């Protein structure tokens, strides 16, 4: 029995022979991807924007003088201390980032659409109080709400579910192709 030559064309022939094996792995991957995609809880993300300006610290330097404020606005404990309505155990997941200089964006993610919107707005509303708590010269800071969170977008959509299914299916197909390649490599003549 002669061994086949180790060429790409022969490898493609091996893939063609092992089509049922590839299809089985593709179906398993699609099933696993579908199970993952459709059991994920739907989360909603709401976004609010606000600006902070202080003429005494904004000197036109290359780095933003407001970057230290991200830590203040991200502090759940500080937010709870300035607003009695905030309970630490009920605070949803959120993040604050500085987009351009002095413009901050708050993204709140929660399973409840309304809670995500209201908490994003709550953070934007309490920016003055947070600054007053942290700085002695808080009267120099001016905050302006640029965009209130009016809607919360779902993170998991039909498109993201389809992408999850496709990625899992293609991943399993690649694994099957690698298994076929290893078998081909072992059996072929080099």
N, C-alpha and C. Protein backbone atom coordinates (compact mmCIF):
# COMPACT_ATOMS: atom_id res chain seq x y z
N UNK A 1 0.85 -1.18 0.00
CA UNK A 1 0.00 0.00 0.00
C UNK A 1 0.89 1.24 0.00
N UNK A 2 0.70 2.10 -1.00
CA UNK A 2 1.51 3.30 -1.09
C UNK A 2 0.84 4.43 -0.32
N UNK A 3 1.69 5.23 0.25
CA UNK A 3 1.18 6.39 1.00
C UNK A 3 0.97 7.55 0.03
N UNK A 4 -0.02 8.38 0.32
CA UNK A 4 -0.27 9.55 -0.52
C UNK A 4 0.77 10.62 -0.21
N UNK A 5 1.00 11.46 -1.19
CA UNK A 5 1.98 12.54 -1.02
C UNK A 5 1.39 13.63 -0.12
N UNK A 6 2.27 14.28 0.60
CA UNK A 6 1.86 15.34 1.53
C UNK A 6 1.73 16.66 0.75
N UNK A 7 0.56 16.86 0.12
CA UNK A 7 0.30 18.09 -0.63
C UNK A 7 -1.04 18.66 -0.19
N UNK A 8 -1.23 19.90 -0.51
CA UNK A 8 -2.47 20.57 -0.15
C UNK A 8 -3.65 19.95 -0.89
N UNK A 9 -3.44 19.61 -2.14
CA UNK A 9 -4.50 18.99 -2.95
C UNK A 9 -4.95 17.67 -2.32
N UNK A 10 -3.99 16.87 -1.86
CA UNK A 10 -4.34 15.60 -1.22
C UNK A 10 -5.05 15.83 0.11
N UNK A 11 -4.66 16.89 0.80
CA UNK A 11 -5.35 17.21 2.07
C UNK A 11 -6.81 17.58 1.78
N UNK A 12 -7.05 18.34 0.71
CA UNK A 12 -8.43 18.68 0.35
C UNK A 12 -9.22 17.43 -0.02
N UNK A 13 -8.55 16.45 -0.63
CA UNK A 13 -9.22 15.18 -0.94
C UNK A 13 -9.59 14.46 0.35
N UNK A 14 -8.70 14.52 1.34
CA UNK A 14 -8.99 13.90 2.64
C UNK A 14 -10.18 14.59 3.32
N UNK A 15 -10.23 15.92 3.21
CA UNK A 15 -11.37 16.66 3.77
C UNK A 15 -12.67 16.23 3.08
N UNK A 16 -12.59 16.04 1.78
CA UNK A 16 -13.77 15.64 1.03
C UNK A 16 -14.23 14.24 1.45
N UNK A 17 -13.27 13.35 1.70
CA UNK A 17 -13.61 12.01 2.16
C UNK A 17 -14.24 12.03 3.55
N UNK A 18 -13.80 12.96 4.38
CA UNK A 18 -14.26 13.03 5.77
C UNK A 18 -15.39 14.04 5.94
N UNK A 19 -16.19 14.24 4.91
CA UNK A 19 -17.24 15.27 4.97
C UNK A 19 -18.25 14.99 6.07
N UNK A 20 -18.58 13.75 6.30
CA UNK A 20 -19.58 13.44 7.35
C UNK A 20 -19.03 13.81 8.73
N UNK A 21 -17.75 13.56 8.93
CA UNK A 21 -17.08 13.92 10.19
C UNK A 21 -17.13 15.44 10.38
N UNK A 22 -16.86 16.19 9.31
CA UNK A 22 -16.89 17.66 9.37
C UNK A 22 -18.31 18.16 9.66
N UNK A 23 -19.30 17.56 9.02
CA UNK A 23 -20.69 17.98 9.22
C UNK A 23 -21.13 17.70 10.66
N UNK A 24 -20.72 16.56 11.19
CA UNK A 24 -21.08 16.23 12.58
C UNK A 24 -20.51 17.28 13.54
N UNK A 25 -19.24 17.63 13.35
CA UNK A 25 -18.64 18.64 14.21
C UNK A 25 -19.30 20.00 14.02
N UNK A 26 -19.65 20.33 12.79
CA UNK A 26 -20.34 21.60 12.51
C UNK A 26 -21.68 21.66 13.23
N UNK A 27 -22.43 20.57 13.19
CA UNK A 27 -23.73 20.52 13.85
C UNK A 27 -23.57 20.59 15.37
N UNK A 28 -22.59 19.88 15.90
CA UNK A 28 -22.33 19.95 17.35
C UNK A 28 -21.99 21.38 17.76
N UNK A 29 -21.14 22.04 16.98
CA UNK A 29 -20.78 23.42 17.27
C UNK A 29 -21.97 24.36 17.20
N UNK A 30 -22.81 24.17 16.18
CA UNK A 30 -24.00 25.02 16.05
C UNK A 30 -24.96 24.78 17.21
N UNK A 31 -25.10 23.53 17.62
CA UNK A 31 -25.97 23.23 18.76
C UNK A 31 -25.45 23.84 20.04
N UNK A 32 -24.14 23.72 20.28
CA UNK A 32 -23.55 24.32 21.48
C UNK A 32 -23.67 25.84 21.44
N UNK A 33 -23.44 26.42 20.27
CA UNK A 33 -23.58 27.87 20.13
C UNK A 33 -25.00 28.34 20.36
N UNK A 34 -25.96 27.58 19.85
CA UNK A 34 -27.37 27.94 20.04
C UNK A 34 -27.76 27.82 21.51
N UNK A 35 -27.28 26.76 22.17
CA UNK A 35 -27.57 26.59 23.60
C UNK A 35 -27.01 27.77 24.40
N UNK A 36 -25.80 28.18 24.08
CA UNK A 36 -25.19 29.32 24.76
C UNK A 36 -25.95 30.61 24.44
N UNK A 37 -26.22 30.83 23.16
CA UNK A 37 -26.83 32.10 22.73
C UNK A 37 -28.24 32.29 23.28
N UNK A 38 -29.03 31.23 23.34
CA UNK A 38 -30.41 31.40 23.75
C UNK A 38 -30.64 31.21 25.25
N UNK A 39 -29.60 30.84 25.99
CA UNK A 39 -29.74 30.78 27.45
C UNK A 39 -29.16 32.01 28.12
N UNK A 40 -28.47 32.87 27.37
CA UNK A 40 -27.95 34.11 27.94
C UNK A 40 -29.09 35.04 28.30
N UNK A 41 -28.97 35.65 29.48
CA UNK A 41 -29.98 36.62 29.89
C UNK A 41 -29.80 37.91 29.09
N UNK A 42 -30.89 38.52 28.76
CA UNK A 42 -30.84 39.79 28.05
C UNK A 42 -30.45 40.88 29.03
N UNK A 43 -29.42 41.62 28.69
CA UNK A 43 -28.96 42.75 29.48
C UNK A 43 -29.18 44.01 28.65
N UNK A 44 -29.43 45.11 29.35
CA UNK A 44 -29.65 46.39 28.67
C UNK A 44 -28.57 47.38 29.09
N UNK A 45 -28.17 48.21 28.15
CA UNK A 45 -27.16 49.23 28.41
C UNK A 45 -27.75 50.61 28.12
N UNK A 46 -27.65 51.48 29.13
CA UNK A 46 -28.09 52.86 28.98
C UNK A 46 -26.88 53.77 29.08
N UNK A 47 -26.89 54.85 28.33
CA UNK A 47 -25.74 55.76 28.28
C UNK A 47 -26.20 57.18 28.56
N UNK A 48 -25.45 57.86 29.43
CA UNK A 48 -25.67 59.28 29.70
C UNK A 48 -24.32 59.99 29.55
N UNK A 49 -24.37 61.26 29.12
CA UNK A 49 -23.13 62.04 28.95
C UNK A 49 -23.24 63.34 29.73
N UNK A 50 -22.12 63.73 30.30
CA UNK A 50 -22.05 65.02 30.99
C UNK A 50 -20.65 65.59 30.82
N UNK A 51 -20.55 66.90 31.02
CA UNK A 51 -19.24 67.55 30.89
C UNK A 51 -18.86 68.18 32.22
N UNK A 52 -17.57 68.27 32.43
CA UNK A 52 -17.00 68.91 33.61
C UNK A 52 -15.97 69.90 33.12
N UNK A 53 -16.02 71.13 33.68
CA UNK A 53 -15.07 72.15 33.29
C UNK A 53 -14.62 72.92 34.52
N UNK A 54 -13.32 73.15 34.59
CA UNK A 54 -12.72 73.96 35.65
C UNK A 54 -11.64 74.80 34.99
N UNK A 55 -11.85 76.12 34.92
CA UNK A 55 -10.90 76.99 34.23
C UNK A 55 -9.55 77.06 34.95
N UNK A 56 -9.51 76.72 36.22
CA UNK A 56 -8.26 76.78 36.98
C UNK A 56 -7.34 75.59 36.72
N UNK A 57 -7.89 74.47 36.32
CA UNK A 57 -7.05 73.30 36.07
C UNK A 57 -6.91 72.99 34.59
N UNK A 58 -7.79 73.50 33.76
CA UNK A 58 -7.73 73.22 32.33
C UNK A 58 -6.74 74.19 31.69
N UNK A 59 -5.49 73.75 31.59
CA UNK A 59 -4.43 74.63 31.11
C UNK A 59 -3.96 74.29 29.70
N UNK A 60 -4.68 73.44 29.01
CA UNK A 60 -4.33 73.10 27.63
C UNK A 60 -3.21 72.08 27.51
N UNK A 61 -2.89 71.38 28.58
CA UNK A 61 -1.84 70.37 28.54
C UNK A 61 -2.30 69.19 27.67
N UNK A 62 -1.33 68.37 27.29
CA UNK A 62 -1.64 67.22 26.44
C UNK A 62 -2.51 66.21 27.16
N UNK A 63 -2.28 66.03 28.45
CA UNK A 63 -3.11 65.10 29.22
C UNK A 63 -4.28 65.84 29.84
N UNK A 64 -5.36 65.14 30.01
CA UNK A 64 -6.57 65.75 30.55
C UNK A 64 -6.46 65.92 32.06
N UNK A 65 -6.77 67.11 32.57
CA UNK A 65 -6.75 67.31 34.01
C UNK A 65 -7.97 66.68 34.70
N UNK A 66 -8.89 66.18 33.91
CA UNK A 66 -10.13 65.61 34.45
C UNK A 66 -10.08 64.09 34.58
N UNK A 67 -8.99 63.47 34.16
CA UNK A 67 -8.93 62.00 34.18
C UNK A 67 -9.06 61.44 35.59
N UNK A 68 -8.64 62.19 36.61
CA UNK A 68 -8.78 61.72 37.99
C UNK A 68 -10.25 61.63 38.41
N UNK A 69 -11.12 62.36 37.72
CA UNK A 69 -12.53 62.34 38.07
C UNK A 69 -13.21 61.02 37.73
N UNK A 70 -12.62 60.25 36.80
CA UNK A 70 -13.21 58.97 36.42
C UNK A 70 -13.32 58.07 37.64
N UNK A 71 -12.27 58.04 38.46
CA UNK A 71 -12.29 57.21 39.67
C UNK A 71 -13.36 57.68 40.64
N UNK A 72 -13.56 58.99 40.74
CA UNK A 72 -14.58 59.51 41.65
C UNK A 72 -15.98 59.13 41.17
N UNK A 73 -16.23 59.31 39.88
CA UNK A 73 -17.56 59.00 39.34
C UNK A 73 -17.82 57.49 39.30
N UNK A 74 -16.76 56.69 39.29
CA UNK A 74 -16.90 55.23 39.26
C UNK A 74 -17.06 54.62 40.64
N UNK A 75 -16.86 55.40 41.69
CA UNK A 75 -16.91 54.88 43.05
C UNK A 75 -18.36 54.69 43.51
N UNK A 76 -18.73 53.46 43.75
CA UNK A 76 -20.08 53.15 44.22
C UNK A 76 -20.29 53.67 45.64
N UNK A 77 -19.26 53.56 46.46
CA UNK A 77 -19.38 54.02 47.85
C UNK A 77 -19.55 55.53 47.92
N UNK A 78 -18.81 56.25 47.09
CA UNK A 78 -18.93 57.70 47.07
C UNK A 78 -20.31 58.12 46.57
N UNK A 79 -20.81 57.43 45.57
CA UNK A 79 -22.14 57.73 45.05
C UNK A 79 -23.20 57.45 46.12
N UNK A 80 -23.04 56.36 46.84
CA UNK A 80 -24.00 56.02 47.90
C UNK A 80 -23.93 57.03 49.05
N UNK A 81 -22.76 57.62 49.29
CA UNK A 81 -22.64 58.60 50.38
C UNK A 81 -23.27 59.94 50.02
N UNK A 82 -23.32 60.29 48.74
CA UNK A 82 -23.91 61.57 48.35
C UNK A 82 -25.40 61.46 48.03
N UNK A 83 -25.89 60.25 47.79
CA UNK A 83 -27.31 60.05 47.49
C UNK A 83 -27.84 58.92 48.37
N UNK A 84 -28.70 59.26 49.30
CA UNK A 84 -29.21 58.27 50.25
C UNK A 84 -30.06 57.20 49.59
N UNK A 85 -30.58 57.46 48.42
CA UNK A 85 -31.43 56.51 47.71
C UNK A 85 -30.64 55.36 47.08
N UNK A 86 -29.32 55.47 47.04
CA UNK A 86 -28.50 54.43 46.42
C UNK A 86 -28.10 53.41 47.47
N UNK A 87 -28.46 52.16 47.22
CA UNK A 87 -28.07 51.06 48.10
C UNK A 87 -26.97 50.27 47.39
N UNK A 88 -25.85 50.07 48.07
CA UNK A 88 -24.68 49.43 47.44
C UNK A 88 -24.99 48.06 46.85
N UNK A 89 -25.84 47.28 47.51
CA UNK A 89 -26.13 45.93 47.02
C UNK A 89 -27.03 45.94 45.78
N UNK A 90 -27.65 47.07 45.48
CA UNK A 90 -28.55 47.16 44.32
C UNK A 90 -27.93 47.93 43.14
N UNK A 91 -26.67 48.33 43.27
CA UNK A 91 -26.03 49.12 42.21
C UNK A 91 -25.73 48.20 41.03
N UNK A 92 -26.22 48.55 39.84
CA UNK A 92 -25.93 47.74 38.66
C UNK A 92 -24.48 47.94 38.20
N UNK A 93 -24.08 47.16 37.24
CA UNK A 93 -22.74 47.28 36.67
C UNK A 93 -22.67 48.55 35.82
N UNK A 94 -21.63 49.35 36.05
CA UNK A 94 -21.49 50.56 35.24
C UNK A 94 -20.03 50.95 35.09
N UNK A 95 -19.77 51.77 34.10
CA UNK A 95 -18.43 52.27 33.86
C UNK A 95 -18.49 53.70 33.39
N UNK A 96 -17.46 54.45 33.73
CA UNK A 96 -17.37 55.85 33.33
C UNK A 96 -16.07 56.01 32.54
N UNK A 97 -16.16 56.67 31.40
CA UNK A 97 -14.95 56.95 30.64
C UNK A 97 -15.01 58.38 30.12
N UNK A 98 -13.83 58.93 29.93
CA UNK A 98 -13.74 60.29 29.40
C UNK A 98 -13.56 60.17 27.90
N UNK A 99 -14.52 60.71 27.17
CA UNK A 99 -14.47 60.61 25.71
C UNK A 99 -13.46 61.64 25.20
N UNK A 100 -13.85 62.81 24.76
CA UNK A 100 -12.84 63.84 24.60
C UNK A 100 -12.64 64.55 25.94
N UNK A 101 -11.77 65.47 25.99
CA UNK A 101 -11.38 66.19 27.20
C UNK A 101 -12.58 66.80 27.93
N UNK A 102 -12.81 66.35 29.14
CA UNK A 102 -13.86 66.90 29.98
C UNK A 102 -15.26 66.38 29.72
N UNK A 103 -15.43 65.53 28.73
CA UNK A 103 -16.73 64.94 28.42
C UNK A 103 -16.72 63.50 28.93
N UNK A 104 -17.66 63.18 29.78
CA UNK A 104 -17.71 61.85 30.39
C UNK A 104 -18.94 61.10 29.91
N UNK A 105 -18.76 59.81 29.71
CA UNK A 105 -19.84 58.94 29.28
C UNK A 105 -20.02 57.84 30.32
N UNK A 106 -21.25 57.69 30.78
CA UNK A 106 -21.59 56.65 31.76
C UNK A 106 -22.39 55.58 31.04
N UNK A 107 -21.93 54.33 31.15
CA UNK A 107 -22.67 53.19 30.58
C UNK A 107 -23.08 52.29 31.72
N UNK A 108 -24.38 52.10 31.86
CA UNK A 108 -24.93 51.25 32.91
C UNK A 108 -25.56 50.03 32.26
N UNK A 109 -25.22 48.85 32.79
CA UNK A 109 -25.74 47.59 32.26
C UNK A 109 -26.51 46.87 33.35
N UNK A 110 -27.74 46.48 33.03
CA UNK A 110 -28.57 45.77 33.99
C UNK A 110 -29.61 44.94 33.24
N UNK A 111 -30.17 43.96 33.92
CA UNK A 111 -31.22 43.13 33.32
C UNK A 111 -32.54 43.89 33.19
N UNK A 112 -32.72 44.93 34.01
CA UNK A 112 -33.92 45.76 33.97
C UNK A 112 -33.65 47.02 33.17
N UNK A 113 -34.39 47.20 32.11
CA UNK A 113 -34.21 48.33 31.20
C UNK A 113 -34.37 49.67 31.92
N UNK A 114 -35.42 49.79 32.71
CA UNK A 114 -35.70 51.05 33.40
C UNK A 114 -34.65 51.36 34.47
N UNK A 115 -34.17 50.34 35.15
CA UNK A 115 -33.15 50.55 36.17
C UNK A 115 -31.85 51.04 35.54
N UNK A 116 -31.50 50.51 34.38
CA UNK A 116 -30.30 50.95 33.68
C UNK A 116 -30.41 52.43 33.31
N UNK A 117 -31.57 52.82 32.77
CA UNK A 117 -31.76 54.23 32.39
C UNK A 117 -31.73 55.15 33.60
N UNK A 118 -32.47 54.80 34.64
CA UNK A 118 -32.56 55.68 35.80
C UNK A 118 -31.23 55.79 36.53
N UNK A 119 -30.45 54.70 36.58
CA UNK A 119 -29.17 54.77 37.28
C UNK A 119 -28.15 55.58 36.50
N UNK A 120 -28.18 55.50 35.18
CA UNK A 120 -27.27 56.33 34.36
C UNK A 120 -27.58 57.80 34.59
N UNK A 121 -28.86 58.15 34.63
CA UNK A 121 -29.24 59.53 34.90
C UNK A 121 -28.90 59.95 36.33
N UNK A 122 -29.02 59.03 37.27
CA UNK A 122 -28.70 59.32 38.66
C UNK A 122 -27.22 59.68 38.82
N UNK A 123 -26.36 58.96 38.13
CA UNK A 123 -24.92 59.27 38.19
C UNK A 123 -24.66 60.65 37.60
N UNK A 124 -25.28 60.95 36.46
CA UNK A 124 -25.08 62.26 35.83
C UNK A 124 -25.60 63.40 36.71
N UNK A 125 -26.72 63.17 37.36
CA UNK A 125 -27.29 64.20 38.23
C UNK A 125 -26.43 64.46 39.46
N UNK A 126 -25.80 63.43 39.99
CA UNK A 126 -25.03 63.55 41.22
C UNK A 126 -23.57 63.94 41.01
N UNK A 127 -23.18 64.32 39.81
CA UNK A 127 -21.78 64.67 39.58
C UNK A 127 -21.34 65.87 40.42
N UNK A 128 -22.20 66.87 40.57
CA UNK A 128 -21.85 68.03 41.41
C UNK A 128 -21.60 67.61 42.85
N UNK A 129 -22.46 66.76 43.39
CA UNK A 129 -22.31 66.31 44.77
C UNK A 129 -21.03 65.51 44.97
N UNK A 130 -20.69 64.68 43.98
CA UNK A 130 -19.46 63.88 44.07
C UNK A 130 -18.25 64.81 44.09
N UNK A 131 -18.26 65.81 43.23
CA UNK A 131 -17.14 66.76 43.18
C UNK A 131 -17.07 67.56 44.47
N UNK A 132 -18.22 67.98 45.01
CA UNK A 132 -18.23 68.71 46.29
C UNK A 132 -17.64 67.88 47.43
N UNK A 133 -17.91 66.59 47.41
CA UNK A 133 -17.38 65.72 48.45
C UNK A 133 -15.87 65.54 48.32
N UNK A 134 -15.36 65.53 47.11
CA UNK A 134 -13.95 65.22 46.88
C UNK A 134 -13.02 66.43 46.93
N UNK A 135 -13.51 67.60 46.53
CA UNK A 135 -12.62 68.77 46.40
C UNK A 135 -13.08 69.94 47.26
N UNK A 136 -12.11 70.65 47.80
CA UNK A 136 -12.41 71.86 48.58
C UNK A 136 -12.83 73.01 47.67
N UNK A 137 -12.27 73.03 46.48
CA UNK A 137 -12.58 74.11 45.54
C UNK A 137 -13.64 73.68 44.52
N UNK A 138 -14.64 72.98 44.98
CA UNK A 138 -15.66 72.45 44.07
C UNK A 138 -16.45 73.54 43.37
N UNK A 139 -16.45 74.75 43.92
CA UNK A 139 -17.16 75.87 43.29
C UNK A 139 -16.55 76.25 41.95
N UNK A 140 -15.30 75.81 41.68
CA UNK A 140 -14.65 76.09 40.40
C UNK A 140 -15.08 75.13 39.29
N UNK A 141 -15.69 74.01 39.66
CA UNK A 141 -16.10 73.01 38.68
C UNK A 141 -17.52 73.27 38.22
N UNK A 142 -17.71 73.23 36.91
CA UNK A 142 -19.03 73.37 36.34
C UNK A 142 -19.38 72.07 35.62
N UNK A 143 -20.50 71.51 35.97
CA UNK A 143 -20.93 70.29 35.30
C UNK A 143 -22.22 70.55 34.52
N UNK A 144 -22.30 69.92 33.39
CA UNK A 144 -23.47 70.07 32.53
C UNK A 144 -23.87 68.70 32.01
N UNK A 145 -25.14 68.37 32.14
CA UNK A 145 -25.62 67.11 31.56
C UNK A 145 -25.85 67.35 30.07
N UNK A 146 -25.14 66.60 29.25
CA UNK A 146 -25.24 66.75 27.80
C UNK A 146 -26.32 65.86 27.20
N UNK A 147 -26.38 64.62 27.67
CA UNK A 147 -27.39 63.68 27.18
C UNK A 147 -27.90 62.85 28.35
N UNK A 148 -29.19 62.85 28.52
CA UNK A 148 -29.78 61.96 29.51
C UNK A 148 -29.98 60.60 28.87
N UNK A 149 -30.01 59.58 29.70
CA UNK A 149 -30.29 58.23 29.19
C UNK A 149 -31.79 58.15 28.96
N UNK A 150 -32.19 58.12 27.70
CA UNK A 150 -33.61 58.07 27.36
C UNK A 150 -34.06 56.67 26.98
N UNK A 151 -33.09 55.83 26.60
CA UNK A 151 -33.44 54.48 26.20
C UNK A 151 -32.28 53.55 26.56
N UNK A 152 -32.60 52.30 26.78
CA UNK A 152 -31.59 51.28 27.06
C UNK A 152 -31.62 50.25 25.93
N UNK A 153 -30.47 50.02 25.35
CA UNK A 153 -30.36 49.08 24.24
C UNK A 153 -30.01 47.69 24.75
N UNK A 154 -30.62 46.66 24.19
CA UNK A 154 -30.26 45.30 24.61
C UNK A 154 -28.88 44.92 24.08
N UNK A 155 -28.12 44.26 24.93
CA UNK A 155 -26.79 43.78 24.51
C UNK A 155 -26.94 42.54 23.66
N UNK A 156 -27.84 41.66 24.05
CA UNK A 156 -28.08 40.42 23.32
C UNK A 156 -29.24 40.64 22.35
N UNK A 157 -28.92 40.58 21.08
CA UNK A 157 -29.94 40.72 20.04
C UNK A 157 -29.92 39.46 19.17
N UNK A 158 -30.81 39.40 18.23
CA UNK A 158 -30.84 38.26 17.31
C UNK A 158 -29.52 38.19 16.52
N UNK A 159 -28.98 39.35 16.18
CA UNK A 159 -27.72 39.39 15.44
C UNK A 159 -26.57 38.82 16.27
N UNK A 160 -26.47 39.22 17.55
CA UNK A 160 -25.38 38.70 18.39
C UNK A 160 -25.56 37.22 18.67
N UNK A 161 -26.81 36.77 18.76
CA UNK A 161 -27.04 35.33 18.93
C UNK A 161 -26.61 34.56 17.70
N UNK A 162 -26.94 35.08 16.53
CA UNK A 162 -26.54 34.42 15.28
C UNK A 162 -25.02 34.39 15.16
N UNK A 163 -24.36 35.46 15.55
CA UNK A 163 -22.90 35.49 15.51
C UNK A 163 -22.31 34.45 16.47
N UNK A 164 -22.89 34.33 17.66
CA UNK A 164 -22.41 33.32 18.62
C UNK A 164 -22.54 31.92 18.06
N UNK A 165 -23.66 31.64 17.42
CA UNK A 165 -23.89 30.32 16.82
C UNK A 165 -22.88 30.07 15.70
N UNK A 166 -22.68 31.07 14.84
CA UNK A 166 -21.75 30.92 13.72
C UNK A 166 -20.31 30.72 14.21
N UNK A 167 -19.90 31.47 15.22
CA UNK A 167 -18.54 31.33 15.74
C UNK A 167 -18.32 29.94 16.34
N UNK A 168 -19.29 29.47 17.11
CA UNK A 168 -19.15 28.14 17.70
C UNK A 168 -19.13 27.06 16.63
N UNK A 169 -19.99 27.18 15.62
CA UNK A 169 -20.03 26.18 14.55
C UNK A 169 -18.72 26.18 13.75
N UNK A 170 -18.23 27.37 13.41
CA UNK A 170 -16.98 27.44 12.66
C UNK A 170 -15.79 26.97 13.50
N UNK A 171 -15.83 27.25 14.79
CA UNK A 171 -14.77 26.77 15.67
C UNK A 171 -14.70 25.26 15.69
N UNK A 172 -15.84 24.61 15.78
CA UNK A 172 -15.87 23.15 15.78
C UNK A 172 -15.46 22.60 14.40
N UNK A 173 -15.83 23.30 13.34
CA UNK A 173 -15.43 22.88 12.00
C UNK A 173 -13.91 22.94 11.85
N UNK A 174 -13.30 23.99 12.38
CA UNK A 174 -11.84 24.11 12.34
C UNK A 174 -11.19 22.99 13.14
N UNK A 175 -11.75 22.68 14.30
CA UNK A 175 -11.21 21.58 15.10
C UNK A 175 -11.28 20.27 14.33
N UNK A 176 -12.39 20.04 13.66
CA UNK A 176 -12.54 18.82 12.86
C UNK A 176 -11.53 18.80 11.72
N UNK A 177 -11.32 19.96 11.07
CA UNK A 177 -10.35 20.04 9.98
C UNK A 177 -8.93 19.77 10.49
N UNK A 178 -8.63 20.22 11.68
CA UNK A 178 -7.31 19.97 12.28
C UNK A 178 -7.14 18.48 12.58
N UNK A 179 -8.19 17.85 13.09
CA UNK A 179 -8.13 16.40 13.36
C UNK A 179 -7.89 15.64 12.05
N UNK A 180 -8.58 16.04 10.99
CA UNK A 180 -8.38 15.40 9.69
C UNK A 180 -6.95 15.65 9.20
N UNK A 181 -6.44 16.83 9.42
CA UNK A 181 -5.06 17.15 9.01
C UNK A 181 -4.05 16.31 9.77
N UNK A 182 -4.25 16.14 11.07
CA UNK A 182 -3.33 15.33 11.87
C UNK A 182 -3.33 13.89 11.37
N UNK A 183 -4.53 13.37 11.10
CA UNK A 183 -4.64 12.02 10.57
C UNK A 183 -3.98 11.93 9.19
N UNK A 184 -4.17 12.93 8.34
CA UNK A 184 -3.57 12.99 7.02
C UNK A 184 -2.05 13.07 7.14
N UNK A 185 -1.59 13.90 8.06
CA UNK A 185 -0.14 14.06 8.26
C UNK A 185 0.49 12.74 8.71
N UNK A 186 -0.18 12.02 9.55
CA UNK A 186 0.34 10.75 10.06
C UNK A 186 0.40 9.69 8.97
N UNK A 187 -0.58 9.69 8.07
CA UNK A 187 -0.67 8.66 7.04
C UNK A 187 0.08 8.98 5.74
N UNK A 188 0.43 10.24 5.53
CA UNK A 188 1.01 10.60 4.24
C UNK A 188 2.54 10.46 4.23
N UNK A 189 3.06 10.47 3.01
CA UNK A 189 4.51 10.35 2.81
C UNK A 189 5.08 11.76 2.65
N UNK A 190 6.10 12.03 3.40
CA UNK A 190 6.69 13.38 3.37
C UNK A 190 7.93 13.41 2.53
